[in-house]
C-alpha cells in the first residue's frame, strides 16, 4: 500500500490548487462587476453587475468550503497508525482504496487511484469502526476490508 503521508500531501496540494482557482475566479468576477460601464440602457448595466456579483458570491462560498476542508485535513495526522476505520484511515477494500479525510474524489498517487472521502460520506459511514477482515455492504455488494493504515 502507498505511504499515507504521500496521499495526505497530494490531498493538501489538490486543495491548495482548488483554493487558488477559487480565489482567482472570485477576483475576476469582482473585477468584471467593477468594470461594468453604465450605458444608456441602465437595466443592461444592472443585470451585468448582478450576474458578476452572483458569480463572485458563488466563488466566495466555494472558497469558504475549501478553506474549511483544508482545516479539517490539516487536523488529520497521516503518521498515526490505525487499527479501525476512522478519520485519517487509509483503507484498502476488496473493490477500492479510500483515504478518509476530505471529500476530494479520486486522486492519483504512484499510479494508484485512491478515493479521498469525507468521514460523513455514506461509504465512510458504512466502514467506520470496522477492522481488517470485517465486511460492509455498499451499493448492495459486500466488501471486505483488506488493510487499514
N, C-alpha and C. Protein backbone atom coordinates (compact mmCIF):
# COMPACT_ATOMS: atom_id res chain seq x y z
N UNK A 1 0.84 -1.19 0.00
CA UNK A 1 0.00 0.00 0.00
C UNK A 1 0.88 1.25 0.00
N UNK A 2 0.39 2.30 -0.59
CA UNK A 2 1.12 3.57 -0.70
C UNK A 2 1.27 4.21 0.68
N UNK A 3 2.33 4.96 0.85
CA UNK A 3 2.58 5.69 2.08
C UNK A 3 1.48 6.73 2.29
N UNK A 4 0.86 6.68 3.46
CA UNK A 4 -0.25 7.58 3.78
C UNK A 4 0.17 9.05 3.74
N UNK A 5 1.44 9.33 4.11
CA UNK A 5 1.93 10.72 4.09
C UNK A 5 1.92 11.28 2.67
N UNK A 6 2.23 10.44 1.67
CA UNK A 6 2.21 10.90 0.27
C UNK A 6 0.78 11.22 -0.17
N UNK A 7 -0.15 10.39 0.25
CA UNK A 7 -1.55 10.61 -0.09
C UNK A 7 -2.04 11.90 0.57
N UNK A 8 -1.69 12.07 1.83
CA UNK A 8 -2.08 13.27 2.57
C UNK A 8 -1.52 14.52 1.89
N UNK A 9 -0.24 14.47 1.50
CA UNK A 9 0.39 15.61 0.81
C UNK A 9 -0.31 15.90 -0.52
N UNK A 10 -0.66 14.86 -1.25
CA UNK A 10 -1.36 15.03 -2.52
C UNK A 10 -2.72 15.71 -2.31
N UNK A 11 -3.40 15.31 -1.24
CA UNK A 11 -4.69 15.93 -0.92
C UNK A 11 -4.52 17.42 -0.60
N UNK A 12 -3.49 17.74 0.19
CA UNK A 12 -3.23 19.15 0.53
C UNK A 12 -2.88 19.96 -0.72
N UNK A 13 -2.07 19.39 -1.61
CA UNK A 13 -1.71 20.08 -2.85
C UNK A 13 -2.94 20.32 -3.71
N UNK A 14 -3.80 19.32 -3.82
CA UNK A 14 -5.02 19.46 -4.60
C UNK A 14 -5.92 20.55 -4.01
N UNK A 15 -6.06 20.55 -2.70
CA UNK A 15 -6.87 21.58 -2.05
C UNK A 15 -6.29 22.97 -2.27
N UNK A 16 -4.97 23.11 -2.13
CA UNK A 16 -4.32 24.41 -2.36
C UNK A 16 -4.59 24.89 -3.78
N UNK A 17 -4.52 23.98 -4.74
CA UNK A 17 -4.78 24.33 -6.13
C UNK A 17 -6.23 24.80 -6.32
N UNK A 18 -7.17 24.07 -5.71
CA UNK A 18 -8.58 24.45 -5.82
C UNK A 18 -8.84 25.80 -5.14
N UNK A 19 -8.15 26.05 -4.03
CA UNK A 19 -8.31 27.33 -3.32
C UNK A 19 -7.82 28.47 -4.21
N UNK A 20 -6.68 28.29 -4.87
CA UNK A 20 -6.15 29.33 -5.76
C UNK A 20 -7.10 29.61 -6.92
N UNK A 21 -7.63 28.54 -7.51
CA UNK A 21 -8.57 28.70 -8.63
C UNK A 21 -9.81 29.46 -8.17
N UNK A 22 -10.30 29.12 -7.00
CA UNK A 22 -11.49 29.78 -6.48
C UNK A 22 -11.22 31.26 -6.18
N UNK A 23 -10.05 31.56 -5.62
CA UNK A 23 -9.68 32.96 -5.35
C UNK A 23 -9.61 33.76 -6.64
N UNK A 24 -8.97 33.18 -7.67
CA UNK A 24 -8.85 33.87 -8.96
C UNK A 24 -10.22 34.11 -9.58
N UNK A 25 -11.09 33.10 -9.50
CA UNK A 25 -12.44 33.25 -10.05
C UNK A 25 -13.20 34.36 -9.34
N UNK A 26 -13.04 34.43 -8.02
CA UNK A 26 -13.70 35.47 -7.24
C UNK A 26 -13.17 36.86 -7.63
N UNK A 27 -11.85 36.97 -7.76
CA UNK A 27 -11.25 38.25 -8.15
C UNK A 27 -11.68 38.68 -9.55
N UNK A 28 -11.73 37.72 -10.47
CA UNK A 28 -12.14 38.04 -11.84
C UNK A 28 -13.59 38.48 -11.90
N UNK A 29 -14.44 37.82 -11.14
CA UNK A 29 -15.86 38.20 -11.12
C UNK A 29 -16.03 39.59 -10.51
N UNK A 30 -15.25 39.88 -9.47
CA UNK A 30 -15.32 41.21 -8.84
C UNK A 30 -14.82 42.28 -9.82
N UNK A 31 -13.73 41.99 -10.52
CA UNK A 31 -13.20 42.94 -11.50
C UNK A 31 -14.21 43.17 -12.62
N UNK A 32 -14.88 42.11 -13.02
CA UNK A 32 -15.90 42.22 -14.07
C UNK A 32 -17.04 43.12 -13.61
N UNK A 33 -17.46 42.95 -12.36
CA UNK A 33 -18.54 43.78 -11.81
C UNK A 33 -18.10 45.23 -11.73
N UNK A 34 -16.86 45.45 -11.33
CA UNK A 34 -16.34 46.82 -11.21
C UNK A 34 -16.18 47.50 -12.56
N UNK A 35 -15.92 46.71 -13.61
CA UNK A 35 -15.67 47.27 -14.94
C UNK A 35 -16.93 47.47 -15.76
N UNK A 36 -18.07 47.01 -15.26
CA UNK A 36 -19.32 47.24 -16.00
C UNK A 36 -19.52 48.75 -16.13
N UNK A 37 -19.64 49.22 -17.35
CA UNK A 37 -19.83 50.66 -17.56
C UNK A 37 -21.30 50.93 -17.76
N UNK A 38 -21.72 52.02 -17.21
CA UNK A 38 -23.13 52.41 -17.32
C UNK A 38 -23.41 52.81 -18.77
N UNK A 39 -24.41 52.20 -19.33
CA UNK A 39 -24.79 52.55 -20.70
C UNK A 39 -26.13 53.25 -20.67
N UNK A 40 -26.60 53.64 -21.83
CA UNK A 40 -27.90 54.29 -21.89
C UNK A 40 -29.00 53.31 -21.49
N UNK A 41 -28.73 52.02 -21.63
CA UNK A 41 -29.68 51.00 -21.21
C UNK A 41 -29.30 50.60 -19.79
N UNK A 42 -29.84 51.29 -18.80
CA UNK A 42 -29.50 51.08 -17.39
C UNK A 42 -29.75 49.66 -16.91
N UNK A 43 -30.82 49.03 -17.42
CA UNK A 43 -31.13 47.66 -16.99
C UNK A 43 -30.02 46.69 -17.38
N UNK A 44 -29.43 46.90 -18.56
CA UNK A 44 -28.36 46.02 -19.03
C UNK A 44 -27.16 46.12 -18.07
N UNK A 45 -26.85 47.32 -17.63
CA UNK A 45 -25.75 47.56 -16.69
C UNK A 45 -26.02 46.84 -15.37
N UNK A 46 -27.23 47.00 -14.85
CA UNK A 46 -27.58 46.38 -13.57
C UNK A 46 -27.58 44.86 -13.68
N UNK A 47 -28.06 44.32 -14.80
CA UNK A 47 -28.08 42.87 -14.99
C UNK A 47 -26.66 42.32 -15.04
N UNK A 48 -25.79 42.98 -15.76
CA UNK A 48 -24.39 42.56 -15.85
C UNK A 48 -23.71 42.58 -14.49
N UNK A 49 -23.95 43.64 -13.72
CA UNK A 49 -23.36 43.73 -12.37
C UNK A 49 -23.92 42.64 -11.46
N UNK A 50 -25.21 42.40 -11.55
CA UNK A 50 -25.84 41.38 -10.71
C UNK A 50 -25.29 39.99 -11.04
N UNK A 51 -25.11 39.71 -12.32
CA UNK A 51 -24.57 38.41 -12.72
C UNK A 51 -23.13 38.26 -12.22
N UNK A 52 -22.34 39.29 -12.33
CA UNK A 52 -20.96 39.24 -11.84
C UNK A 52 -20.93 39.08 -10.32
N UNK A 53 -21.85 39.76 -9.64
CA UNK A 53 -21.90 39.65 -8.18
C UNK A 53 -22.30 38.23 -7.76
N UNK A 54 -23.25 37.63 -8.47
CA UNK A 54 -23.65 36.24 -8.17
C UNK A 54 -22.48 35.28 -8.38
N UNK A 55 -21.74 35.49 -9.45
CA UNK A 55 -20.59 34.63 -9.73
C UNK A 55 -19.53 34.80 -8.63
N UNK A 56 -19.31 36.03 -8.20
CA UNK A 56 -18.35 36.30 -7.12
C UNK A 56 -18.80 35.61 -5.84
N UNK A 57 -20.09 35.70 -5.53
CA UNK A 57 -20.63 35.06 -4.33
C UNK A 57 -20.48 33.54 -4.39
N UNK A 58 -20.68 32.96 -5.56
CA UNK A 58 -20.51 31.52 -5.75
C UNK A 58 -19.07 31.12 -5.44
N UNK A 59 -18.11 31.87 -6.00
CA UNK A 59 -16.70 31.58 -5.74
C UNK A 59 -16.35 31.78 -4.26
N UNK A 60 -16.96 32.77 -3.64
CA UNK A 60 -16.70 33.03 -2.21
C UNK A 60 -17.20 31.85 -1.36
N UNK A 61 -18.37 31.31 -1.69
CA UNK A 61 -18.89 30.14 -0.96
C UNK A 61 -17.99 28.93 -1.18
N UNK A 62 -17.56 28.72 -2.42
CA UNK A 62 -16.65 27.61 -2.72
C UNK A 62 -15.35 27.76 -1.95
N UNK A 63 -14.83 28.98 -1.91
CA UNK A 63 -13.58 29.25 -1.21
C UNK A 63 -13.72 28.95 0.28
N UNK A 64 -14.82 29.39 0.88
CA UNK A 64 -15.04 29.13 2.31
C UNK A 64 -15.12 27.63 2.58
N UNK A 65 -15.79 26.91 1.70
CA UNK A 65 -15.91 25.45 1.84
C UNK A 65 -14.54 24.77 1.72
N UNK A 66 -13.74 25.22 0.76
CA UNK A 66 -12.41 24.65 0.57
C UNK A 66 -11.49 24.94 1.75
N UNK A 67 -11.59 26.14 2.30
CA UNK A 67 -10.77 26.51 3.46
C UNK A 67 -11.15 25.65 4.66
N UNK A 68 -12.45 25.43 4.86
CA UNK A 68 -12.89 24.55 5.95
C UNK A 68 -12.40 23.12 5.73
N UNK A 69 -12.43 22.66 4.48
CA UNK A 69 -11.95 21.32 4.16
C UNK A 69 -10.45 21.21 4.48
N UNK A 70 -9.70 22.27 4.16
CA UNK A 70 -8.26 22.25 4.43
C UNK A 70 -7.99 22.23 5.93
N UNK A 71 -8.77 22.97 6.70
CA UNK A 71 -8.61 22.95 8.16
C UNK A 71 -8.83 21.53 8.69
N UNK A 72 -9.87 20.88 8.19
CA UNK A 72 -10.16 19.51 8.63
C UNK A 72 -9.04 18.56 8.22
N UNK A 73 -8.52 18.74 7.01
CA UNK A 73 -7.46 17.86 6.51
C UNK A 73 -6.17 18.07 7.29
N UNK A 74 -5.84 19.30 7.63
CA UNK A 74 -4.61 19.54 8.38
C UNK A 74 -4.70 19.01 9.81
N UNK A 75 -5.90 18.78 10.30
CA UNK A 75 -6.08 18.21 11.64
C UNK A 75 -5.83 16.69 11.65
N UNK A 76 -5.80 16.08 10.46
CA UNK A 76 -5.56 14.64 10.34
C UNK A 76 -4.06 14.38 10.44
N UNK A 77 -3.68 13.43 11.28
CA UNK A 77 -2.27 13.06 11.43
C UNK A 77 -1.97 11.87 10.53
N UNK A 78 -1.26 12.09 9.40
CA UNK A 78 -1.01 10.99 8.47
C UNK A 78 -0.02 9.95 9.01
N UNK A 79 0.64 10.26 10.10
CA UNK A 79 1.61 9.31 10.66
C UNK A 79 0.99 8.39 11.71
N UNK A 80 -0.25 8.68 12.08
CA UNK A 80 -0.92 7.87 13.10
C UNK A 80 -1.32 6.52 12.49
N UNK A 81 -0.91 5.45 13.16
CA UNK A 81 -1.26 4.10 12.72
C UNK A 81 -2.61 3.73 13.32
N UNK A 82 -3.50 3.24 12.49
CA UNK A 82 -4.86 2.94 12.94
C UNK A 82 -5.19 1.45 12.79
N UNK A 83 -6.02 0.97 13.68
CA UNK A 83 -6.47 -0.43 13.64
C UNK A 83 -7.92 -0.55 13.19
N UNK A 84 -8.66 0.56 13.29
CA UNK A 84 -10.05 0.57 12.86
C UNK A 84 -10.24 1.72 11.87
N UNK A 85 -11.32 1.65 11.11
CA UNK A 85 -11.62 2.69 10.15
C UNK A 85 -12.15 3.91 10.91
N UNK A 86 -11.45 5.03 10.75
CA UNK A 86 -11.82 6.30 11.36
C UNK A 86 -11.21 7.42 10.54
N UNK A 87 -11.45 8.65 10.94
CA UNK A 87 -10.87 9.80 10.25
C UNK A 87 -9.35 9.63 10.18
N UNK A 88 -8.79 9.78 9.00
CA UNK A 88 -7.35 9.64 8.81
C UNK A 88 -6.93 8.25 8.36
N UNK A 89 -7.87 7.33 8.25
CA UNK A 89 -7.53 5.96 7.86
C UNK A 89 -7.37 5.85 6.35
N UNK A 90 -6.37 5.08 5.96
CA UNK A 90 -6.20 4.67 4.57
C UNK A 90 -6.70 3.23 4.53
N UNK A 91 -7.80 3.02 3.82
CA UNK A 91 -8.47 1.72 3.84
C UNK A 91 -8.43 1.09 2.45
N UNK A 92 -7.93 -0.13 2.40
CA UNK A 92 -7.96 -0.89 1.16
C UNK A 92 -9.06 -1.93 1.30
N UNK A 93 -10.01 -1.90 0.38
CA UNK A 93 -11.10 -2.87 0.41
C UNK A 93 -10.98 -3.80 -0.79
N UNK A 94 -11.87 -4.74 -0.88
CA UNK A 94 -11.87 -5.68 -1.99
C UNK A 94 -12.19 -5.00 -3.32
N UNK A 95 -12.70 -3.77 -3.28
CA UNK A 95 -13.04 -3.07 -4.53
C UNK A 95 -12.23 -1.81 -4.79
N UNK A 96 -11.82 -1.07 -3.74
CA UNK A 96 -11.12 0.21 -3.92
C UNK A 96 -10.28 0.53 -2.70
N UNK A 97 -9.54 1.65 -2.84
CA UNK A 97 -8.79 2.19 -1.70
C UNK A 97 -9.36 3.56 -1.37
N UNK A 98 -9.48 3.85 -0.07
CA UNK A 98 -10.08 5.10 0.40
C UNK A 98 -9.18 5.76 1.43
N UNK A 99 -9.11 7.09 1.36
CA UNK A 99 -8.44 7.87 2.39
C UNK A 99 -9.53 8.70 3.04
N UNK A 100 -9.84 8.39 4.28
CA UNK A 100 -10.93 9.07 4.97
C UNK A 100 -10.39 10.37 5.55
N UNK A 101 -10.64 11.45 4.84
CA UNK A 101 -10.04 12.73 5.19
C UNK A 101 -10.90 13.91 4.76
N UNK A 102 -10.97 14.15 3.47
CA UNK A 102 -11.74 15.26 2.91
C UNK A 102 -12.34 14.80 1.59
N UNK A 103 -13.46 15.35 1.25
CA UNK A 103 -14.19 14.96 0.05
C UNK A 103 -13.53 15.57 -1.20
N UNK A 104 -12.53 14.88 -1.72
CA UNK A 104 -11.79 15.39 -2.89
C UNK A 104 -11.95 14.51 -4.12
N UNK A 105 -12.58 13.37 -3.95
CA UNK A 105 -12.75 12.47 -5.09
C UNK A 105 -11.51 11.64 -5.34
N UNK A 106 -11.36 11.19 -6.57
CA UNK A 106 -10.26 10.31 -6.93
C UNK A 106 -8.97 11.11 -7.05
N UNK A 107 -7.93 10.63 -6.37
CA UNK A 107 -6.60 11.22 -6.53
C UNK A 107 -5.66 10.12 -7.01
N UNK A 108 -4.67 10.52 -7.77
CA UNK A 108 -3.70 9.58 -8.34
C UNK A 108 -2.39 9.74 -7.57
N UNK A 109 -1.92 8.67 -6.95
CA UNK A 109 -0.65 8.68 -6.23
C UNK A 109 0.10 7.41 -6.62
N UNK A 110 1.31 7.60 -7.13
CA UNK A 110 2.14 6.46 -7.56
C UNK A 110 1.37 5.48 -8.45
N UNK A 111 0.71 6.02 -9.44
CA UNK A 111 -0.06 5.23 -10.41
C UNK A 111 -1.19 4.41 -9.79
N UNK A 112 -1.62 4.79 -8.62
CA UNK A 112 -2.77 4.14 -8.00
C UNK A 112 -3.85 5.18 -7.73
N UNK A 113 -5.08 4.75 -7.89
CA UNK A 113 -6.20 5.64 -7.62
C UNK A 113 -6.70 5.41 -6.20
N UNK A 114 -6.84 6.51 -5.48
CA UNK A 114 -7.38 6.46 -4.12
C UNK A 114 -8.53 7.46 -4.06
N UNK A 115 -9.61 7.04 -3.45
CA UNK A 115 -10.75 7.94 -3.25
C UNK A 115 -10.55 8.67 -1.93
N UNK A 116 -10.39 9.99 -2.01
CA UNK A 116 -10.32 10.80 -0.80
C UNK A 116 -11.77 11.16 -0.47
N UNK A 117 -12.25 10.66 0.68
CA UNK A 117 -13.65 10.86 1.04
C UNK A 117 -13.76 11.45 2.44
N UNK A 118 -14.85 12.10 2.67
CA UNK A 118 -15.15 12.67 3.98
C UNK A 118 -15.64 11.56 4.92
N UNK A 119 -15.40 11.75 6.20
CA UNK A 119 -15.86 10.77 7.19
C UNK A 119 -17.39 10.73 7.27
N UNK A 120 -18.05 11.77 6.77
CA UNK A 120 -19.52 11.78 6.82
C UNK A 120 -20.15 11.27 5.52
N UNK A 121 -19.31 10.87 4.56
CA UNK A 121 -19.86 10.32 3.31
C UNK A 121 -20.52 8.98 3.61
N UNK A 122 -21.52 8.60 2.84
CA UNK A 122 -22.22 7.34 3.10
C UNK A 122 -21.31 6.11 3.12
N UNK A 123 -20.33 6.03 2.22
CA UNK A 123 -19.47 4.85 2.21
C UNK A 123 -18.56 4.84 3.44
N UNK A 124 -18.07 6.00 3.85
CA UNK A 124 -17.25 6.06 5.07
C UNK A 124 -18.08 5.65 6.27
N UNK A 125 -19.33 6.09 6.31
CA UNK A 125 -20.22 5.72 7.41
C UNK A 125 -20.41 4.20 7.47
N UNK A 126 -20.44 3.57 6.31
CA UNK A 126 -20.60 2.11 6.27
C UNK A 126 -19.36 1.39 6.79
N UNK A 127 -18.19 2.06 6.69
CA UNK A 127 -16.93 1.43 7.10
C UNK A 127 -16.48 1.80 8.52
N UNK A 128 -16.93 2.93 9.02
CA UNK A 128 -16.43 3.43 10.31
C UNK A 128 -16.52 2.37 11.42
N UNK A 129 -15.43 2.25 12.17
CA UNK A 129 -15.38 1.30 13.28
C UNK A 129 -15.01 -0.12 12.89
N UNK A 130 -14.96 -0.40 11.60
CA UNK A 130 -14.63 -1.76 11.14
C UNK A 130 -13.12 -2.00 11.24
N UNK A 131 -12.76 -3.29 11.28
CA UNK A 131 -11.36 -3.72 11.36
C UNK A 131 -11.01 -4.53 10.11
N UNK A 132 -9.73 -4.86 9.97
CA UNK A 132 -9.27 -5.70 8.86
C UNK A 132 -10.04 -7.02 8.91
N UNK A 133 -10.46 -7.45 7.75
CA UNK A 133 -11.24 -8.67 7.52
C UNK A 133 -12.74 -8.50 7.79
N UNK A 134 -13.15 -7.37 8.36
CA UNK A 134 -14.58 -7.10 8.52
C UNK A 134 -15.18 -6.83 7.14
N UNK A 135 -16.47 -7.04 7.03
CA UNK A 135 -17.17 -6.74 5.78
C UNK A 135 -18.18 -5.64 6.03
N UNK A 136 -18.55 -4.97 4.94
CA UNK A 136 -19.59 -3.95 4.99
C UNK A 136 -20.31 -3.98 3.65
N UNK A 137 -21.54 -3.53 3.66
CA UNK A 137 -22.32 -3.51 2.43
C UNK A 137 -22.32 -2.12 1.85
N UNK A 138 -22.06 -2.06 0.54
CA UNK A 138 -22.10 -0.79 -0.17
C UNK A 138 -22.65 -1.05 -1.56
N UNK A 139 -23.68 -0.31 -1.92
CA UNK A 139 -24.34 -0.45 -3.22
C UNK A 139 -24.80 -1.89 -3.45
N UNK A 140 -25.36 -2.48 -2.40
CA UNK A 140 -25.91 -3.84 -2.43
C UNK A 140 -24.85 -4.90 -2.72
N UNK A 141 -23.57 -4.55 -2.47
CA UNK A 141 -22.48 -5.51 -2.64
C UNK A 141 -21.70 -5.58 -1.34
N UNK A 142 -21.26 -6.78 -1.03
CA UNK A 142 -20.45 -6.96 0.16
C UNK A 142 -18.99 -6.67 -0.16
N UNK A 143 -18.36 -5.87 0.68
CA UNK A 143 -16.95 -5.50 0.53
C UNK A 143 -16.20 -5.97 1.77
N UNK A 144 -14.96 -6.34 1.57
CA UNK A 144 -14.11 -6.78 2.69
C UNK A 144 -12.99 -5.77 2.86
N UNK A 145 -12.68 -5.45 4.10
CA UNK A 145 -11.56 -4.56 4.40
C UNK A 145 -10.30 -5.41 4.44
N UNK A 146 -9.37 -5.09 3.54
CA UNK A 146 -8.14 -5.87 3.41
C UNK A 146 -7.01 -5.30 4.28
N UNK A 147 -6.96 -3.97 4.39
CA UNK A 147 -5.93 -3.36 5.25
C UNK A 147 -6.36 -1.97 5.67
N UNK A 148 -5.79 -1.53 6.79
CA UNK A 148 -6.04 -0.20 7.33
C UNK A 148 -4.70 0.37 7.75
N UNK A 149 -4.41 1.57 7.33
CA UNK A 149 -3.16 2.23 7.75
C UNK A 149 -3.49 3.57 8.38
